[in-house]
All heavy atoms as atom14 arrays in JSON, in Angstrom:
{
  "sequence": "LSLCSTNTLPPEYLAIWGLKRLRINAEAKHPLPEQSLLIHSGGESES",
  "atom14_mask": [
    [1, 1, 1, 1, 1, 1, 1, 1, 0, 0, 0, 0, 0, 0],
    [1, 1, 1, 1, 1, 1, 0, 0, 0, 0, 0, 0, 0, 0],
    [1, 1, 1, 1, 1, 1, 1, 1, 0, 0, 0, 0, 0, 0],
    [1, 1, 1, 1, 1, 1, 0, 0, 0, 0, 0, 0, 0, 0],
    [1, 1, 1, 1, 1, 1, 0, 0, 0, 0, 0, 0, 0, 0],
    [1, 1, 1, 1, 1, 1, 1, 0, 0, 0, 0, 0, 0, 0],
    [1, 1, 1, 1, 1, 1, 1, 1, 0, 0, 0, 0, 0, 0],
    [1, 1, 1, 1, 1, 1, 1, 0, 0, 0, 0, 0, 0, 0],
    [1, 1, 1, 1, 1, 1, 1, 1, 0, 0, 0, 0, 0, 0],
    [1, 1, 1, 1, 1, 1, 1, 0, 0, 0, 0, 0, 0, 0],
    [1, 1, 1, 1, 1, 1, 1, 0, 0, 0, 0, 0, 0, 0],
    [1, 1, 1, 1, 1, 1, 1, 1, 1, 0, 0, 0, 0, 0],
    [1, 1, 1, 1, 1, 1, 1, 1, 1, 1, 1, 1, 0, 0],
    [1, 1, 1, 1, 1, 1, 1, 1, 0, 0, 0, 0, 0, 0],
    [1, 1, 1, 1, 1, 0, 0, 0, 0, 0, 0, 0, 0, 0],
    [1, 1, 1, 1, 1, 1, 1, 1, 0, 0, 0, 0, 0, 0],
    [1, 1, 1, 1, 1, 1, 1, 1, 1, 1, 1, 1, 1, 1],
    [1, 1, 1, 1, 0, 0, 0, 0, 0, 0, 0, 0, 0, 0],
    [1, 1, 1, 1, 1, 1, 1, 1, 0, 0, 0, 0, 0, 0],
    [1, 1, 1, 1, 1, 1, 1, 1, 1, 0, 0, 0, 0, 0],
    [1, 1, 1, 1, 1, 1, 1, 1, 1, 1, 1, 0, 0, 0],
    [1, 1, 1, 1, 1, 1, 1, 1, 0, 0, 0, 0, 0, 0],
    [1, 1, 1, 1, 1, 1, 1, 1, 1, 1, 1, 0, 0, 0],
    [1, 1, 1, 1, 1, 1, 1, 1, 0, 0, 0, 0, 0, 0],
    [1, 1, 1, 1, 1, 1, 1, 1, 0, 0, 0, 0, 0, 0],
    [1, 1, 1, 1, 1, 0, 0, 0, 0, 0, 0, 0, 0, 0],
    [1, 1, 1, 1, 1, 1, 1, 1, 1, 0, 0, 0, 0, 0],
    [1, 1, 1, 1, 1, 0, 0, 0, 0, 0, 0, 0, 0, 0],
    [1, 1, 1, 1, 1, 1, 1, 1, 1, 0, 0, 0, 0, 0],
    [1, 1, 1, 1, 1, 1, 1, 1, 1, 1, 0, 0, 0, 0],
    [1, 1, 1, 1, 1, 1, 1, 0, 0, 0, 0, 0, 0, 0],
    [1, 1, 1, 1, 1, 1, 1, 1, 0, 0, 0, 0, 0, 0],
    [1, 1, 1, 1, 1, 1, 1, 0, 0, 0, 0, 0, 0, 0],
    [1, 1, 1, 1, 1, 1, 1, 1, 1, 0, 0, 0, 0, 0],
    [1, 1, 1, 1, 1, 1, 1, 1, 1, 0, 0, 0, 0, 0],
    [1, 1, 1, 1, 1, 1, 0, 0, 0, 0, 0, 0, 0, 0],
    [1, 1, 1, 1, 1, 1, 1, 1, 0, 0, 0, 0, 0, 0],
    [1, 1, 1, 1, 1, 1, 1, 1, 0, 0, 0, 0, 0, 0],
    [1, 1, 1, 1, 1, 1, 1, 1, 0, 0, 0, 0, 0, 0],
    [1, 1, 1, 1, 1, 1, 1, 1, 1, 1, 0, 0, 0, 0],
    [1, 1, 1, 1, 1, 1, 0, 0, 0, 0, 0, 0, 0, 0],
    [1, 1, 1, 1, 0, 0, 0, 0, 0, 0, 0, 0, 0, 0],
    [1, 1, 1, 1, 0, 0, 0, 0, 0, 0, 0, 0, 0, 0],
    [1, 1, 1, 1, 1, 1, 1, 1, 1, 0, 0, 0, 0, 0],
    [1, 1, 1, 1, 1, 1, 0, 0, 0, 0, 0, 0, 0, 0],
    [1, 1, 1, 1, 1, 1, 1, 1, 1, 0, 0, 0, 0, 0],
    [1, 1, 1, 1, 1, 1, 0, 0, 0, 0, 0, 0, 0, 0]
  ],
  "atom14_positions": [
    [[5.71, -76.31, -7.12], [6.31, -75.06, -6.66], [7.48, -74.66, -7.54], [8.42, -75.45, -7.67], [6.66, -75.1, -5.19], [5.63, -75.41, -4.13], [6.27, -75.48, -2.75], [4.68, -74.22, -4.15], [0.0, 0.0, 0.0], [0.0, 0.0, 0.0], [0.0, 0.0, 0.0], [0.0, 0.0, 0.0], [0.0, 0.0, 0.0], [0.0, 0.0, 0.0]],
    [[7.36, -73.45, -8.08], [8.55, -72.97, -8.84], [9.01, -71.68, -8.3], [8.36, -70.75, -8.23], [8.09, -72.7, -10.32], [7.58, -73.92, -10.98], [0.0, 0.0, 0.0], [0.0, 0.0, 0.0], [0.0, 0.0, 0.0], [0.0, 0.0, 0.0], [0.0, 0.0, 0.0], [0.0, 0.0, 0.0], [0.0, 0.0, 0.0], [0.0, 0.0, 0.0]],
    [[10.33, -71.65, -8.0], [11.0, -70.48, -7.45], [11.41, -69.61, -8.65], [12.21, -70.03, -9.54], [12.17, -70.82, -6.62], [13.07, -69.63, -6.01], [12.2, -68.87, -5.13], [14.21, -70.21, -5.36], [0.0, 0.0, 0.0], [0.0, 0.0, 0.0], [0.0, 0.0, 0.0], [0.0, 0.0, 0.0], [0.0, 0.0, 0.0], [0.0, 0.0, 0.0]],
    [[10.85, -68.38, -8.72], [11.06, -67.45, -9.83], [12.06, -66.4, -9.49], [11.92, -65.22, -9.97], [9.81, -66.94, -10.33], [8.71, -68.2, -10.98], [0.0, 0.0, 0.0], [0.0, 0.0, 0.0], [0.0, 0.0, 0.0], [0.0, 0.0, 0.0], [0.0, 0.0, 0.0], [0.0, 0.0, 0.0], [0.0, 0.0, 0.0], [0.0, 0.0, 0.0]],
    [[13.04, -66.63, -8.57], [14.04, -65.6, -8.27], [15.25, -66.31, -7.74], [15.28, -67.58, -7.51], [13.48, -64.59, -7.14], [13.4, -65.32, -5.89], [0.0, 0.0, 0.0], [0.0, 0.0, 0.0], [0.0, 0.0, 0.0], [0.0, 0.0, 0.0], [0.0, 0.0, 0.0], [0.0, 0.0, 0.0], [0.0, 0.0, 0.0], [0.0, 0.0, 0.0]],
    [[16.36, -65.52, -7.48], [17.57, -66.03, -6.98], [17.68, -65.8, -5.5], [18.79, -65.93, -4.91], [18.7, -65.44, -7.79], [18.71, -64.03, -7.65], [18.69, -65.89, -9.22], [0.0, 0.0, 0.0], [0.0, 0.0, 0.0], [0.0, 0.0, 0.0], [0.0, 0.0, 0.0], [0.0, 0.0, 0.0], [0.0, 0.0, 0.0], [0.0, 0.0, 0.0]],
    [[16.54, -65.38, -4.86], [16.67, -65.05, -3.37], [17.0, -66.4, -2.62], [16.59, -67.49, -2.96], [15.23, -64.54, -2.94], [14.91, -63.23, -3.5], [15.81, -62.45, -3.96], [13.64, -62.95, -3.67], [0.0, 0.0, 0.0], [0.0, 0.0, 0.0], [0.0, 0.0, 0.0], [0.0, 0.0, 0.0], [0.0, 0.0, 0.0], [0.0, 0.0, 0.0]],
    [[17.66, -66.16, -1.51], [17.95, -67.14, -0.59], [16.81, -67.34, 0.44], [16.42, -66.36, 1.03], [19.19, -66.98, 0.22], [20.29, -66.87, -0.7], [19.47, -68.12, 1.24], [0.0, 0.0, 0.0], [0.0, 0.0, 0.0], [0.0, 0.0, 0.0], [0.0, 0.0, 0.0], [0.0, 0.0, 0.0], [0.0, 0.0, 0.0], [0.0, 0.0, 0.0]],
    [[16.17, -68.43, 0.57], [14.98, -68.65, 1.35], [15.35, -69.02, 2.74], [16.26, -69.79, 2.95], [14.09, -69.66, 0.72], [13.63, -69.44, -0.72], [12.63, -70.5, -1.17], [12.94, -68.11, -0.85], [0.0, 0.0, 0.0], [0.0, 0.0, 0.0], [0.0, 0.0, 0.0], [0.0, 0.0, 0.0], [0.0, 0.0, 0.0], [0.0, 0.0, 0.0]],
    [[14.63, -68.56, 3.76], [14.94, -68.82, 5.16], [14.54, -70.29, 5.37], [13.67, -70.88, 4.76], [13.96, -67.85, 5.91], [12.96, -67.6, 4.95], [13.5, -67.6, 3.58], [0.0, 0.0, 0.0], [0.0, 0.0, 0.0], [0.0, 0.0, 0.0], [0.0, 0.0, 0.0], [0.0, 0.0, 0.0], [0.0, 0.0, 0.0], [0.0, 0.0, 0.0]],
    [[15.06, -70.84, 6.53], [14.69, -72.22, 6.86], [13.36, -72.3, 7.56], [13.33, -72.68, 8.74], [15.87, -72.7, 7.76], [16.41, -71.32, 8.33], [16.14, -70.32, 7.33], [0.0, 0.0, 0.0], [0.0, 0.0, 0.0], [0.0, 0.0, 0.0], [0.0, 0.0, 0.0], [0.0, 0.0, 0.0], [0.0, 0.0, 0.0], [0.0, 0.0, 0.0]],
    [[12.35, -72.03, 6.79], [10.98, -72.04, 7.29], [10.28, -73.29, 6.84], [10.6, -73.81, 5.8], [10.22, -70.88, 7.01], [10.82, -69.54, 7.53], [10.04, -68.31, 7.06], [9.09, -68.54, 6.26], [10.36, -67.17, 7.55], [0.0, 0.0, 0.0], [0.0, 0.0, 0.0], [0.0, 0.0, 0.0], [0.0, 0.0, 0.0], [0.0, 0.0, 0.0]],
    [[9.21, -73.71, 7.57], [8.41, -74.91, 7.2], [7.09, -74.4, 6.74], [6.46, -73.48, 7.29], [8.36, -75.93, 8.28], [9.61, -76.79, 8.46], [10.58, -76.24, 9.39], [9.68, -77.95, 7.8], [11.69, -77.04, 9.54], [10.84, -78.77, 8.05], [11.87, -78.26, 8.9], [12.99, -79.0, 9.09], [0.0, 0.0, 0.0], [0.0, 0.0, 0.0]],
    [[6.61, -75.09, 5.73], [5.14, -74.94, 5.33], [4.49, -76.28, 5.66], [4.93, -77.4, 5.3], [5.01, -74.65, 3.83], [5.38, -73.21, 3.31], [5.17, -73.16, 1.83], [4.59, -72.19, 4.06], [0.0, 0.0, 0.0], [0.0, 0.0, 0.0], [0.0, 0.0, 0.0], [0.0, 0.0, 0.0], [0.0, 0.0, 0.0], [0.0, 0.0, 0.0]],
    [[3.3, -76.21, 6.32], [2.56, -77.38, 6.62], [1.39, -77.46, 5.64], [0.6, -76.52, 5.43], [1.98, -77.2, 8.12], [0.0, 0.0, 0.0], [0.0, 0.0, 0.0], [0.0, 0.0, 0.0], [0.0, 0.0, 0.0], [0.0, 0.0, 0.0], [0.0, 0.0, 0.0], [0.0, 0.0, 0.0], [0.0, 0.0, 0.0], [0.0, 0.0, 0.0]],
    [[1.27, -78.64, 5.05], [0.29, -78.9, 3.91], [-0.5, -80.18, 4.3], [0.15, -81.18, 4.54], [0.98, -79.03, 2.52], [1.8, -77.78, 2.26], [-0.06, -79.2, 1.49], [2.65, -77.88, 0.98], [0.0, 0.0, 0.0], [0.0, 0.0, 0.0], [0.0, 0.0, 0.0], [0.0, 0.0, 0.0], [0.0, 0.0, 0.0], [0.0, 0.0, 0.0]],
    [[-1.82, -80.03, 4.22], [-2.67, -81.21, 4.44], [-2.82, -82.06, 3.23], [-3.06, -81.54, 2.1], [-4.0, -80.8, 5.01], [-4.05, -80.18, 6.4], [-4.22, -78.89, 6.69], [-3.91, -80.94, 7.63], [-4.18, -78.77, 8.07], [-4.04, -80.06, 8.67], [-3.65, -82.3, 7.95], [-3.88, -80.3, 9.97], [-3.57, -82.67, 9.3], [-3.7, -81.69, 10.25]],
    [[-2.9, -83.32, 3.33], [-3.23, -84.22, 2.31], [-2.44, -84.27, 1.04], [-2.9, -84.67, -0.01], [0.0, 0.0, 0.0], [0.0, 0.0, 0.0], [0.0, 0.0, 0.0], [0.0, 0.0, 0.0], [0.0, 0.0, 0.0], [0.0, 0.0, 0.0], [0.0, 0.0, 0.0], [0.0, 0.0, 0.0], [0.0, 0.0, 0.0], [0.0, 0.0, 0.0]],
    [[-1.12, -83.88, 1.14], [-0.3, -83.77, 0.01], [0.01, -85.21, -0.56], [0.5, -86.01, 0.18], [0.95, -82.97, 0.29], [1.91, -82.71, -0.93], [1.23, -81.83, -1.9], [3.24, -82.02, -0.4], [0.0, 0.0, 0.0], [0.0, 0.0, 0.0], [0.0, 0.0, 0.0], [0.0, 0.0, 0.0], [0.0, 0.0, 0.0], [0.0, 0.0, 0.0]],
    [[-0.35, -85.41, -1.77], [0.08, -86.62, -2.44], [1.3, -86.6, -3.33], [2.11, -87.52, -3.24], [-1.17, -87.18, -3.43], [-2.38, -87.46, -2.58], [-3.47, -87.94, -3.64], [-4.73, -88.4, -2.79], [-5.8, -88.84, -3.82], [0.0, 0.0, 0.0], [0.0, 0.0, 0.0], [0.0, 0.0, 0.0], [0.0, 0.0, 0.0], [0.0, 0.0, 0.0]],
    [[1.32, -85.55, -4.16], [2.51, -85.4, -5.07], [3.13, -84.0, -4.95], [2.31, -83.0, -4.78], [2.17, -85.69, -6.46], [1.84, -87.14, -6.78], [1.56, -87.35, -8.27], [1.18, -88.77, -8.56], [0.03, -89.25, -8.55], [-1.05, -88.57, -8.08], [-0.15, -90.52, -8.73], [0.0, 0.0, 0.0], [0.0, 0.0, 0.0], [0.0, 0.0, 0.0]],
    [[4.4, -83.94, -4.99], [5.01, -82.6, -5.01], [6.02, -82.55, -6.07], [6.8, -83.47, -6.41], [5.79, -82.39, -3.66], [6.62, -81.11, -3.51], [5.78, -79.85, -3.66], [7.46, -81.15, -2.28], [0.0, 0.0, 0.0], [0.0, 0.0, 0.0], [0.0, 0.0, 0.0], [0.0, 0.0, 0.0], [0.0, 0.0, 0.0], [0.0, 0.0, 0.0]],
    [[6.08, -81.46, -6.88], [7.07, -81.18, -7.78], [7.68, -79.83, -7.53], [6.98, -78.89, -7.13], [6.45, -81.12, -9.26], [5.95, -82.57, -9.75], [5.36, -82.45, -11.1], [4.16, -81.55, -11.09], [3.54, -81.07, -12.21], [4.2, -81.18, -13.37], [2.53, -80.4, -12.11], [0.0, 0.0, 0.0], [0.0, 0.0, 0.0], [0.0, 0.0, 0.0]],
    [[9.04, -79.68, -7.71], [9.63, -78.38, -7.43], [10.58, -78.03, -8.64], [11.05, -78.93, -9.31], [10.54, -78.4, -6.16], [11.64, -79.42, -6.25], [9.62, -78.78, -4.99], [12.66, -79.19, -5.2], [0.0, 0.0, 0.0], [0.0, 0.0, 0.0], [0.0, 0.0, 0.0], [0.0, 0.0, 0.0], [0.0, 0.0, 0.0], [0.0, 0.0, 0.0]],
    [[10.67, -76.81, -8.86], [11.57, -76.31, -9.95], [12.18, -74.98, -9.47], [11.53, -74.06, -9.01], [10.73, -75.96, -11.19], [11.62, -75.58, -12.43], [12.83, -75.66, -12.28], [11.04, -75.22, -13.51], [0.0, 0.0, 0.0], [0.0, 0.0, 0.0], [0.0, 0.0, 0.0], [0.0, 0.0, 0.0], [0.0, 0.0, 0.0], [0.0, 0.0, 0.0]],
    [[13.54, -74.97, -9.4], [14.31, -73.86, -9.04], [15.33, -73.44, -10.0], [16.44, -73.05, -9.75], [15.02, -74.24, -7.68], [0.0, 0.0, 0.0], [0.0, 0.0, 0.0], [0.0, 0.0, 0.0], [0.0, 0.0, 0.0], [0.0, 0.0, 0.0], [0.0, 0.0, 0.0], [0.0, 0.0, 0.0], [0.0, 0.0, 0.0], [0.0, 0.0, 0.0]],
    [[14.8, -73.45, -11.23], [15.79, -73.16, -12.42], [16.35, -71.81, -12.42], [17.49, -71.52, -12.82], [14.99, -73.47, -13.7], [15.87, -73.3, -14.95], [15.14, -73.57, -16.29], [13.97, -73.99, -16.18], [15.69, -73.45, -17.32], [0.0, 0.0, 0.0], [0.0, 0.0, 0.0], [0.0, 0.0, 0.0], [0.0, 0.0, 0.0], [0.0, 0.0, 0.0]],
    [[15.59, -70.85, -11.79], [16.08, -69.49, -11.73], [17.28, -69.45, -10.8], [18.1, -68.51, -10.96], [14.96, -68.56, -11.12], [0.0, 0.0, 0.0], [0.0, 0.0, 0.0], [0.0, 0.0, 0.0], [0.0, 0.0, 0.0], [0.0, 0.0, 0.0], [0.0, 0.0, 0.0], [0.0, 0.0, 0.0], [0.0, 0.0, 0.0], [0.0, 0.0, 0.0]],
    [[17.35, -70.36, -9.81], [18.43, -70.35, -8.88], [19.48, -71.41, -9.13], [20.7, -71.14, -9.13], [17.9, -70.55, -7.43], [18.87, -70.27, -6.32], [18.26, -70.4, -5.0], [19.14, -70.1, -3.88], [19.62, -68.79, -3.82], [0.0, 0.0, 0.0], [0.0, 0.0, 0.0], [0.0, 0.0, 0.0], [0.0, 0.0, 0.0], [0.0, 0.0, 0.0]],
    [[19.06, -72.59, -9.55], [19.97, -73.69, -9.9], [19.45, -74.31, -11.2], [18.27, -74.74, -11.32], [19.92, -74.71, -8.8], [20.3, -74.3, -7.46], [21.6, -73.76, -7.1], [19.58, -74.16, -6.33], [21.57, -73.4, -5.92], [20.47, -73.59, -5.43], [0.0, 0.0, 0.0], [0.0, 0.0, 0.0], [0.0, 0.0, 0.0], [0.0, 0.0, 0.0]],
    [[20.31, -74.47, -12.23], [19.92, -75.09, -13.47], [19.73, -76.56, -13.45], [20.44, -77.33, -14.07], [20.99, -74.65, -14.39], [22.23, -74.54, -13.56], [21.78, -74.05, -12.19], [0.0, 0.0, 0.0], [0.0, 0.0, 0.0], [0.0, 0.0, 0.0], [0.0, 0.0, 0.0], [0.0, 0.0, 0.0], [0.0, 0.0, 0.0], [0.0, 0.0, 0.0]],
    [[18.82, -76.97, -12.58], [18.49, -78.39, -12.33], [17.27, -78.84, -13.04], [16.29, -77.95, -13.06], [18.57, -78.75, -10.92], [19.87, -78.56, -10.12], [19.66, -78.88, -8.64], [21.0, -79.5, -10.7], [0.0, 0.0, 0.0], [0.0, 0.0, 0.0], [0.0, 0.0, 0.0], [0.0, 0.0, 0.0], [0.0, 0.0, 0.0], [0.0, 0.0, 0.0]],
    [[17.08, -80.04, -13.38], [15.77, -80.42, -13.87], [14.7, -80.45, -12.79], [15.02, -80.61, -11.67], [15.98, -81.8, -14.45], [17.23, -82.36, -13.69], [18.0, -81.08, -13.51], [0.0, 0.0, 0.0], [0.0, 0.0, 0.0], [0.0, 0.0, 0.0], [0.0, 0.0, 0.0], [0.0, 0.0, 0.0], [0.0, 0.0, 0.0], [0.0, 0.0, 0.0]],
    [[13.44, -80.45, -13.23], [12.34, -80.5, -12.22], [12.33, -81.8, -11.52], [12.69, -82.84, -12.04], [11.02, -80.39, -13.05], [9.82, -80.48, -12.12], [8.53, -80.44, -13.02], [8.27, -79.52, -13.72], [7.73, -81.4, -12.88], [0.0, 0.0, 0.0], [0.0, 0.0, 0.0], [0.0, 0.0, 0.0], [0.0, 0.0, 0.0], [0.0, 0.0, 0.0]],
    [[12.15, -81.68, -10.15], [12.12, -82.9, -9.32], [10.78, -83.11, -8.91], [9.92, -82.21, -8.7], [13.03, -82.62, -8.15], [14.48, -82.44, -8.42], [15.36, -82.31, -7.12], [15.38, -83.21, -6.43], [16.01, -81.16, -7.02], [0.0, 0.0, 0.0], [0.0, 0.0, 0.0], [0.0, 0.0, 0.0], [0.0, 0.0, 0.0], [0.0, 0.0, 0.0]],
    [[10.42, -84.46, -8.68], [9.08, -84.85, -8.18], [9.21, -85.93, -7.08], [10.21, -86.57, -7.03], [8.32, -85.43, -9.38], [8.89, -86.61, -9.89], [0.0, 0.0, 0.0], [0.0, 0.0, 0.0], [0.0, 0.0, 0.0], [0.0, 0.0, 0.0], [0.0, 0.0, 0.0], [0.0, 0.0, 0.0], [0.0, 0.0, 0.0], [0.0, 0.0, 0.0]],
    [[8.19, -85.91, -6.33], [8.13, -86.87, -5.12], [6.71, -87.3, -4.93], [5.79, -86.44, -4.81], [8.74, -86.13, -3.93], [8.77, -87.01, -2.59], [9.87, -88.03, -2.78], [9.16, -85.99, -1.44], [0.0, 0.0, 0.0], [0.0, 0.0, 0.0], [0.0, 0.0, 0.0], [0.0, 0.0, 0.0], [0.0, 0.0, 0.0], [0.0, 0.0, 0.0]],
    [[6.54, -88.56, -4.66], [5.21, -89.11, -4.42], [5.19, -89.31, -2.85], [5.9, -90.18, -2.34], [5.04, -90.39, -5.15], [3.6, -91.1, -4.78], [2.47, -90.23, -5.34], [3.51, -92.51, -5.4], [0.0, 0.0, 0.0], [0.0, 0.0, 0.0], [0.0, 0.0, 0.0], [0.0, 0.0, 0.0], [0.0, 0.0, 0.0], [0.0, 0.0, 0.0]],
    [[4.29, -88.54, -2.23], [4.2, -88.65, -0.72], [3.42, -89.81, -0.3], [3.78, -90.68, 0.53], [3.56, -87.41, -0.13], [4.22, -86.14, -0.67], [3.63, -87.43, 1.4], [5.77, -86.16, -0.45], [0.0, 0.0, 0.0], [0.0, 0.0, 0.0], [0.0, 0.0, 0.0], [0.0, 0.0, 0.0], [0.0, 0.0, 0.0], [0.0, 0.0, 0.0]],
    [[2.21, -90.04, -0.87], [1.41, -91.22, -0.66], [0.48, -91.43, -1.78], [0.15, -90.44, -2.57], [0.67, -91.17, 0.67], [-0.49, -90.23, 0.65], [-1.84, -90.55, 0.37], [-0.61, -88.92, 0.93], [-2.58, -89.57, 0.41], [-1.89, -88.53, 0.78], [0.0, 0.0, 0.0], [0.0, 0.0, 0.0], [0.0, 0.0, 0.0], [0.0, 0.0, 0.0]],
    [[0.06, -92.64, -2.08], [-0.71, -92.91, -3.26], [-2.18, -92.63, -3.15], [-2.88, -92.43, -4.12], [-0.56, -94.33, -3.71], [-1.01, -95.22, -2.76], [0.0, 0.0, 0.0], [0.0, 0.0, 0.0], [0.0, 0.0, 0.0], [0.0, 0.0, 0.0], [0.0, 0.0, 0.0], [0.0, 0.0, 0.0], [0.0, 0.0, 0.0], [0.0, 0.0, 0.0]],
    [[-2.71, -92.8, -2.0], [-4.12, -92.6, -1.73], [-4.98, -93.51, -2.51], [-6.11, -93.24, -2.92], [0.0, 0.0, 0.0], [0.0, 0.0, 0.0], [0.0, 0.0, 0.0], [0.0, 0.0, 0.0], [0.0, 0.0, 0.0], [0.0, 0.0, 0.0], [0.0, 0.0, 0.0], [0.0, 0.0, 0.0], [0.0, 0.0, 0.0], [0.0, 0.0, 0.0]],
    [[-4.48, -94.79, -2.69], [-5.21, -95.78, -3.45], [-4.99, -95.76, -4.89], [-5.51, -96.58, -5.66], [0.0, 0.0, 0.0], [0.0, 0.0, 0.0], [0.0, 0.0, 0.0], [0.0, 0.0, 0.0], [0.0, 0.0, 0.0], [0.0, 0.0, 0.0], [0.0, 0.0, 0.0], [0.0, 0.0, 0.0], [0.0, 0.0, 0.0], [0.0, 0.0, 0.0]],
    [[-4.23, -94.8, -5.44], [-3.95, -94.68, -6.82], [-2.8, -95.6, -7.29], [-1.87, -95.78, -6.57], [-3.66, -93.27, -7.31], [-4.75, -92.32, -6.96], [-4.3, -90.83, -7.2], [-3.15, -90.72, -7.54], [-5.18, -89.98, -6.98], [0.0, 0.0, 0.0], [0.0, 0.0, 0.0], [0.0, 0.0, 0.0], [0.0, 0.0, 0.0], [0.0, 0.0, 0.0]],
    [[-2.95, -96.17, -8.42], [-1.93, -97.19, -8.94], [-1.29, -96.81, -10.24], [-0.58, -97.61, -10.81], [-2.57, -98.53, -9.03], [-3.68, -98.51, -9.95], [0.0, 0.0, 0.0], [0.0, 0.0, 0.0], [0.0, 0.0, 0.0], [0.0, 0.0, 0.0], [0.0, 0.0, 0.0], [0.0, 0.0, 0.0], [0.0, 0.0, 0.0], [0.0, 0.0, 0.0]],
    [[-1.64, -95.56, -10.78], [-1.09, -95.22, -11.99], [0.3, -94.83, -11.95], [1.03, -94.77, -12.99], [-1.95, -94.13, -12.68], [-1.76, -92.73, -12.17], [-2.47, -92.48, -10.82], [-3.12, -93.47, -10.26], [-2.47, -91.31, -10.36], [0.0, 0.0, 0.0], [0.0, 0.0, 0.0], [0.0, 0.0, 0.0], [0.0, 0.0, 0.0], [0.0, 0.0, 0.0]],
    [[0.91, -94.47, -10.83], [2.19, -93.91, -10.85], [3.23, -95.05, -10.5], [2.87, -96.03, -9.77], [2.33, -92.85, -9.69], [3.68, -92.51, -9.59], [0.0, 0.0, 0.0], [0.0, 0.0, 0.0], [0.0, 0.0, 0.0], [0.0, 0.0, 0.0], [0.0, 0.0, 0.0], [0.0, 0.0, 0.0], [0.0, 0.0, 0.0], [0.0, 0.0, 0.0]]
  ]
}
């Protein structure tokens, strides 16, 4: 997910099924490097 604006987002939740990996980028709002998170491996061992 990449935020392409400087808008302030409301405290809402998105529900996602089966999510294994998540990466976020909010460079338009904060000059931070891309972040990543492994939710579950699902039997994969490459990470």
